Amino acid sequence: MDQQQANILLEELKSGLRNELRVEKEDFMSFREVLVKREDFKHFRGVALRGGGVIYSFTPEPRS
């Protein structure tokens, strides 16, 4: 997954076009690199899955 694709997916999640976003183990580091640079980083919640994948969702309130 490249940076542009990661940003598009995050915007879709933020806008409500997607309810959740699954990121596989192979793409996690490149995806996370894009995610942590965003101003709205704390609005995204990731839940780790067995095997290394993560399911992200967007929350209106930032986490602390």
PDB file of N, CA and C in Angstrom:
ATOM      1  N   MET A   1       0.856  -1.180   0.000  1.00  0.00           N
ATOM      2  CA  MET A   1       0.000   0.000   0.000  1.00  0.00           C
ATOM      3  C   MET A   1       0.900   1.240   0.000  1.00  0.00           C
ATOM      4  N   ASP A   2       0.643   2.159  -0.923  1.00  0.00           N
ATOM      5  CA  ASP A   2       1.437   3.384  -0.952  1.00  0.00           C
ATOM      6  C   ASP A   2       0.740   4.493  -0.153  1.00  0.00           C
ATOM      7  N   GLN A   3       1.433   5.618   0.014  1.00  0.00           N
ATOM      8  CA  GLN A   3       0.919   6.714   0.846  1.00  0.00           C
ATOM      9  C   GLN A   3      -0.370   7.297   0.292  1.00  0.00           C
ATOM     10  N   GLN A   4      -0.450   7.444  -1.010  1.00  0.00           N
ATOM     11  CA  GLN A   4      -1.657   8.012  -1.617  1.00  0.00           C
ATOM     12  C   GLN A   4      -2.864   7.105  -1.374  1.00  0.00           C
ATOM     13  N   GLN A   5      -2.675   5.819  -1.557  1.00  0.00           N
ATOM     14  CA  GLN A   5      -3.764   4.867  -1.336  1.00  0.00           C
ATOM     15  C   GLN A   5      -4.198   4.879   0.129  1.00  0.00           C
ATOM     16  N   ALA A   6      -3.234   4.940   1.051  1.00  0.00           N
ATOM     17  CA  ALA A   6      -3.557   4.979   2.480  1.00  0.00           C
ATOM     18  C   ALA A   6      -4.371   6.227   2.810  1.00  0.00           C
ATOM     19  N   ASN A   7      -3.989   7.372   2.269  1.00  0.00           N
ATOM     20  CA  ASN A   7      -4.730   8.609   2.524  1.00  0.00           C
ATOM     21  C   ASN A   7      -6.146   8.551   1.963  1.00  0.00           C
ATOM     22  N   ILE A   8      -6.302   7.967   0.798  1.00  0.00           N
ATOM     23  CA  ILE A   8      -7.639   7.827   0.209  1.00  0.00           C
ATOM     24  C   ILE A   8      -8.517   6.960   1.102  1.00  0.00           C
ATOM     25  N   LEU A   9      -7.985   5.839   1.564  1.00  0.00           N
ATOM     26  CA  LEU A   9      -8.746   4.938   2.434  1.00  0.00           C
ATOM     27  C   LEU A   9      -9.109   5.614   3.753  1.00  0.00           C
ATOM     28  N   LEU A  10      -8.185   6.375   4.320  1.00  0.00           N
ATOM     29  CA  LEU A  10      -8.462   7.083   5.574  1.00  0.00           C
ATOM     30  C   LEU A  10      -9.538   8.148   5.380  1.00  0.00           C
ATOM     31  N   GLU A  11      -9.504   8.849   4.263  1.00  0.00           N
ATOM     32  CA  GLU A  11     -10.533   9.853   3.982  1.00  0.00           C
ATOM     33  C   GLU A  11     -11.900   9.201   3.794  1.00  0.00           C
ATOM     34  N   GLU A  12     -11.933   8.042   3.153  1.00  0.00           N
ATOM     35  CA  GLU A  12     -13.200   7.317   2.993  1.00  0.00           C
ATOM     36  C   GLU A  12     -13.750   6.899   4.350  1.00  0.00           C
ATOM     37  N   LEU A  13     -12.868   6.464   5.223  1.00  0.00           N
ATOM     38  CA  LEU A  13     -13.287   6.063   6.564  1.00  0.00           C
ATOM     39  C   LEU A  13     -13.803   7.269   7.342  1.00  0.00           C
ATOM     40  N   LYS A  14     -13.087   8.363   7.262  1.00  0.00           N
ATOM     41  CA  LYS A  14     -13.476   9.589   7.974  1.00  0.00           C
ATOM     42  C   LYS A  14     -14.815  10.132   7.465  1.00  0.00           C
ATOM     43  N   SER A  15     -15.030  10.098   6.162  1.00  0.00           N
ATOM     44  CA  SER A  15     -16.249  10.670   5.574  1.00  0.00           C
ATOM     45  C   SER A  15     -17.472   9.766   5.728  1.00  0.00           C
ATOM     46  N   GLY A  16     -17.254   8.531   6.151  1.00  0.00           N
ATOM     47  CA  GLY A  16     -18.374   7.620   6.329  1.00  0.00           C
ATOM     48  C   GLY A  16     -18.652   6.717   5.137  1.00  0.00           C
ATOM     49  N   LEU A  17     -17.850   6.840   4.083  1.00  0.00           N
ATOM     50  CA  LEU A  17     -18.018   5.942   2.939  1.00  0.00           C
ATOM     51  C   LEU A  17     -17.701   4.497   3.332  1.00  0.00           C
ATOM     52  N   ARG A  18     -16.867   4.349   4.345  1.00  0.00           N
ATOM     53  CA  ARG A  18     -16.525   3.035   4.901  1.00  0.00           C
ATOM     54  C   ARG A  18     -16.846   3.056   6.389  1.00  0.00           C
ATOM     55  N   ASN A  19     -17.330   1.935   6.918  1.00  0.00           N
ATOM     56  CA  ASN A  19     -17.563   1.818   8.359  1.00  0.00           C
ATOM     57  C   ASN A  19     -16.304   1.395   9.083  1.00  0.00           C
ATOM     58  N   GLU A  20     -15.503   0.588   8.406  1.00  0.00           N
ATOM     59  CA  GLU A  20     -14.253   0.118   8.983  1.00  0.00           C
ATOM     60  C   GLU A  20     -13.278  -0.164   7.858  1.00  0.00           C
ATOM     61  N   LEU A  21     -12.023  -0.279   8.239  1.00  0.00           N
ATOM     62  CA  LEU A  21     -10.959  -0.499   7.271  1.00  0.00           C
ATOM     63  C   LEU A  21     -10.030  -1.563   7.821  1.00  0.00           C
ATOM     64  N   ARG A  22      -9.863  -2.631   7.069  1.00  0.00           N
ATOM     65  CA  ARG A  22      -8.971  -3.710   7.499  1.00  0.00           C
ATOM     66  C   ARG A  22      -7.616  -3.536   6.820  1.00  0.00           C
ATOM     67  N   VAL A  23      -6.570  -3.507   7.634  1.00  0.00           N
ATOM     68  CA  VAL A  23      -5.203  -3.387   7.135  1.00  0.00           C
ATOM     69  C   VAL A  23      -4.470  -4.676   7.494  1.00  0.00           C
ATOM     70  N   GLU A  24      -3.925  -5.325   6.497  1.00  0.00           N
ATOM     71  CA  GLU A  24      -3.220  -6.586   6.716  1.00  0.00           C
ATOM     72  C   GLU A  24      -1.805  -6.332   7.232  1.00  0.00           C
ATOM     73  N   LYS A  25      -1.242  -7.352   7.815  1.00  0.00           N
ATOM     74  CA  LYS A  25       0.084  -7.291   8.433  1.00  0.00           C
ATOM     75  C   LYS A  25       1.137  -6.722   7.472  1.00  0.00           C
ATOM     76  N   GLU A  26       1.084  -7.131   6.213  1.00  0.00           N
ATOM     77  CA  GLU A  26       2.081  -6.703   5.226  1.00  0.00           C
ATOM     78  C   GLU A  26       2.034  -5.198   4.971  1.00  0.00           C
ATOM     79  N   ASP A  27       0.873  -4.587   5.144  1.00  0.00           N
ATOM     80  CA  ASP A  27       0.692  -3.165   4.851  1.00  0.00           C
ATOM     81  C   ASP A  27       0.720  -2.285   6.092  1.00  0.00           C
ATOM     82  N   PHE A  28       0.788  -2.893   7.255  1.00  0.00           N
ATOM     83  CA  PHE A  28       0.614  -2.143   8.498  1.00  0.00           C
ATOM     84  C   PHE A  28       1.625  -1.012   8.670  1.00  0.00           C
ATOM     85  N   MET A  29       2.901  -1.273   8.510  1.00  0.00           N
ATOM     86  CA  MET A  29       3.913  -0.245   8.779  1.00  0.00           C
ATOM     87  C   MET A  29       3.792   0.947   7.824  1.00  0.00           C
ATOM     88  N   SER A  30       3.588   0.689   6.549  1.00  0.00           N
ATOM     89  CA  SER A  30       3.457   1.805   5.603  1.00  0.00           C
ATOM     90  C   SER A  30       2.163   2.576   5.856  1.00  0.00           C
ATOM     91  N   PHE A  31       1.094   1.869   6.222  1.00  0.00           N
ATOM     92  CA  PHE A  31      -0.175   2.522   6.534  1.00  0.00           C
ATOM     93  C   PHE A  31      -0.040   3.380   7.788  1.00  0.00           C
ATOM     94  N   ARG A  32       0.577   2.827   8.816  1.00  0.00           N
ATOM     95  CA  ARG A  32       0.730   3.539  10.088  1.00  0.00           C
ATOM     96  C   ARG A  32       1.570   4.804   9.915  1.00  0.00           C
ATOM     97  N   GLU A  33       2.575   4.735   9.066  1.00  0.00           N
ATOM     98  CA  GLU A  33       3.421   5.899   8.802  1.00  0.00           C
ATOM     99  C   GLU A  33       2.583   7.076   8.299  1.00  0.00           C
ATOM    100  N   VAL A  34       1.621   6.802   7.443  1.00  0.00           N
ATOM    101  CA  VAL A  34       0.720   7.838   6.926  1.00  0.00           C
ATOM    102  C   VAL A  34      -0.246   8.287   8.020  1.00  0.00           C
ATOM    103  N   LEU A  35      -0.799   7.332   8.744  1.00  0.00           N
ATOM    104  CA  LEU A  35      -1.802   7.626   9.769  1.00  0.00           C
ATOM    105  C   LEU A  35      -1.270   8.560  10.852  1.00  0.00           C
ATOM    106  N   VAL A  36      -0.093   8.293  11.387  1.00  0.00           N
ATOM    107  CA  VAL A  36       0.408   9.083  12.521  1.00  0.00           C
ATOM    108  C   VAL A  36       0.794  10.509  12.133  1.00  0.00           C
ATOM    109  N   LYS A  37       0.929  10.788  10.852  1.00  0.00           N
ATOM    110  CA  LYS A  37       1.257  12.143  10.392  1.00  0.00           C
ATOM    111  C   LYS A  37       0.019  13.031  10.256  1.00  0.00           C
ATOM    112  N   ARG A  38      -1.160  12.435  10.345  1.00  0.00           N
ATOM    113  CA  ARG A  38      -2.397  13.190  10.170  1.00  0.00           C
ATOM    114  C   ARG A  38      -2.767  13.944  11.444  1.00  0.00           C
ATOM    115  N   GLU A  39      -3.360  15.132  11.273  1.00  0.00           N
ATOM    116  CA  GLU A  39      -3.817  15.917  12.424  1.00  0.00           C
ATOM    117  C   GLU A  39      -4.947  15.223  13.162  1.00  0.00           C
ATOM    118  N   ASP A  40      -5.754  14.454  12.443  1.00  0.00           N
ATOM    119  CA  ASP A  40      -6.890  13.765  13.059  1.00  0.00           C
ATOM    120  C   ASP A  40      -6.542  12.334  13.497  1.00  0.00           C
ATOM    121  N   PHE A  41      -5.278  12.070  13.675  1.00  0.00           N
ATOM    122  CA  PHE A  41      -4.773  10.746  14.048  1.00  0.00           C
ATOM    123  C   PHE A  41      -5.527  10.125  15.219  1.00  0.00           C
ATOM    124  N   LYS A  42      -5.817  10.914  16.234  1.00  0.00           N
ATOM    125  CA  LYS A  42      -6.440  10.375  17.446  1.00  0.00           C
ATOM    126  C   LYS A  42      -7.921  10.042  17.277  1.00  0.00           C
ATOM    127  N   HIS A  43      -8.478  10.330  16.126  1.00  0.00           N
ATOM    128  CA  HIS A  43      -9.869   9.973  15.850  1.00  0.00           C
ATOM    129  C   HIS A  43      -9.990   8.554  15.278  1.00  0.00           C
ATOM    130  N   PHE A  44      -8.875   7.977  14.897  1.00  0.00           N
ATOM    131  CA  PHE A  44      -8.881   6.631  14.330  1.00  0.00           C
ATOM    132  C   PHE A  44      -8.553   5.623  15.419  1.00  0.00           C
ATOM    133  N   ARG A  45      -9.357   4.581  15.473  1.00  0.00           N
ATOM    134  CA  ARG A  45      -9.181   3.542  16.491  1.00  0.00           C
ATOM    135  C   ARG A  45      -8.869   2.234  15.784  1.00  0.00           C
ATOM    136  N   GLY A  46      -7.777   1.594  16.193  1.00  0.00           N
ATOM    137  CA  GLY A  46      -7.387   0.324  15.602  1.00  0.00           C
ATOM    138  C   GLY A  46      -7.534  -0.815  16.589  1.00  0.00           C
ATOM    139  N   VAL A  47      -8.069  -1.921  16.124  1.00  0.00           N
ATOM    140  CA  VAL A  47      -8.209  -3.124  16.944  1.00  0.00           C
ATOM    141  C   VAL A  47      -7.394  -4.225  16.271  1.00  0.00           C
ATOM    142  N   ALA A  48      -6.412  -4.743  17.015  1.00  0.00           N
ATOM    143  CA  ALA A  48      -5.533  -5.777  16.473  1.00  0.00           C
ATOM    144  C   ALA A  48      -6.273  -7.099  16.322  1.00  0.00           C
ATOM    145  N   LEU A  49      -5.948  -7.787  15.256  1.00  0.00           N
ATOM    146  CA  LEU A  49      -6.521  -9.099  14.982  1.00  0.00           C
ATOM    147  C   LEU A  49      -5.448 -10.171  15.137  1.00  0.00           C
ATOM    148  N   ARG A  50      -5.876 -11.365  15.394  1.00  0.00           N
ATOM    149  CA  ARG A  50      -4.945 -12.487  15.434  1.00  0.00           C
ATOM    150  C   ARG A  50      -4.328 -12.632  14.043  1.00  0.00           C
ATOM    151  N   GLY A  51      -3.029 -12.759  13.994  1.00  0.00           N
ATOM    152  CA  GLY A  51      -2.346 -12.898  12.714  1.00  0.00           C
ATOM    153  C   GLY A  51      -1.699 -11.618  12.226  1.00  0.00           C
ATOM    154  N   GLY A  52      -1.918 -10.507  12.920  1.00  0.00           N
ATOM    155  CA  GLY A  52      -1.220  -9.274  12.588  1.00  0.00           C
ATOM    156  C   GLY A  52      -2.022  -8.206  11.877  1.00  0.00           C
ATOM    157  N   GLY A  53      -3.240  -8.472  11.499  1.00  0.00           N
ATOM    158  CA  GLY A  53      -4.062  -7.455  10.850  1.00  0.00           C
ATOM    159  C   GLY A  53      -4.654  -6.492  11.870  1.00  0.00           C
ATOM    160  N   VAL A  54      -5.174  -5.383  11.395  1.00  0.00           N
ATOM    161  CA  VAL A  54      -5.807  -4.379  12.256  1.00  0.00           C
ATOM    162  C   VAL A  54      -7.071  -3.885  11.563  1.00  0.00           C
ATOM    163  N   ILE A  55      -8.136  -3.716  12.341  1.00  0.00           N
ATOM    164  CA  ILE A  55      -9.361  -3.108  11.820  1.00  0.00           C
ATOM    165  C   ILE A  55      -9.471  -1.713  12.423  1.00  0.00           C
ATOM    166  N   TYR A  56      -9.532  -0.701  11.548  1.00  0.00           N
ATOM    167  CA  TYR A  56      -9.631   0.692  11.975  1.00  0.00           C
ATOM    168  C   TYR A  56     -11.055   1.191  11.815  1.00  0.00           C
ATOM    169  N   SER A  57     -11.443   2.069  12.730  1.00  0.00           N
ATOM    170  CA  SER A  57     -12.713   2.779  12.629  1.00  0.00           C
ATOM    171  C   SER A  57     -12.442   4.244  12.961  1.00  0.00           C
ATOM    172  N   PHE A  58     -13.392   5.103  12.610  1.00  0.00           N
ATOM    173  CA  PHE A  58     -13.261   6.536  12.881  1.00  0.00           C
ATOM    174  C   PHE A  58     -14.250   6.913  13.965  1.00  0.00           C
ATOM    175  N   THR A  59     -13.797   7.689  14.944  1.00  0.00           N
ATOM    176  CA  THR A  59     -14.665   8.143  16.024  1.00  0.00           C
ATOM    177  C   THR A  59     -14.730   9.666  16.018  1.00  0.00           C
ATOM    178  N   PRO A  60     -15.912  10.242  16.257  1.00  0.00           N
ATOM    179  CA  PRO A  60     -16.048  11.705  16.259  1.00  0.00           C
ATOM    180  C   PRO A  60     -15.208  12.364  17.356  1.00  0.00           C
ATOM    181  N   GLU A  61     -15.073  11.695  18.479  1.00  0.00           N
ATOM    182  CA  GLU A  61     -14.282  12.230  19.593  1.00  0.00           C
ATOM    183  C   GLU A  61     -12.882  11.629  19.569  1.00  0.00           C
ATOM    184  N   PRO A  62     -11.850  12.465  19.716  1.00  0.00           N
ATOM    185  CA  PRO A  62     -10.485  11.916  19.740  1.00  0.00           C
ATOM    186  C   PRO A  62     -10.235  11.137  21.029  1.00  0.00           C
ATOM    187  N   ARG A  63      -9.408  10.127  20.910  1.00  0.00           N
ATOM    188  CA  ARG A  63      -9.024   9.393  22.120  1.00  0.00           C
ATOM    189  C   ARG A  63      -8.012  10.231  22.884  1.00  0.00           C
ATOM    190  N   SER A  64      -7.867   9.941  24.147  1.00  0.00           N
ATOM    191  CA  SER A  64      -6.941  10.744  24.967  1.00  0.00           C
ATOM    192  C   SER A  64      -5.533  10.218  24.901  1.00  0.00           C
TER     193      SER A  64
END
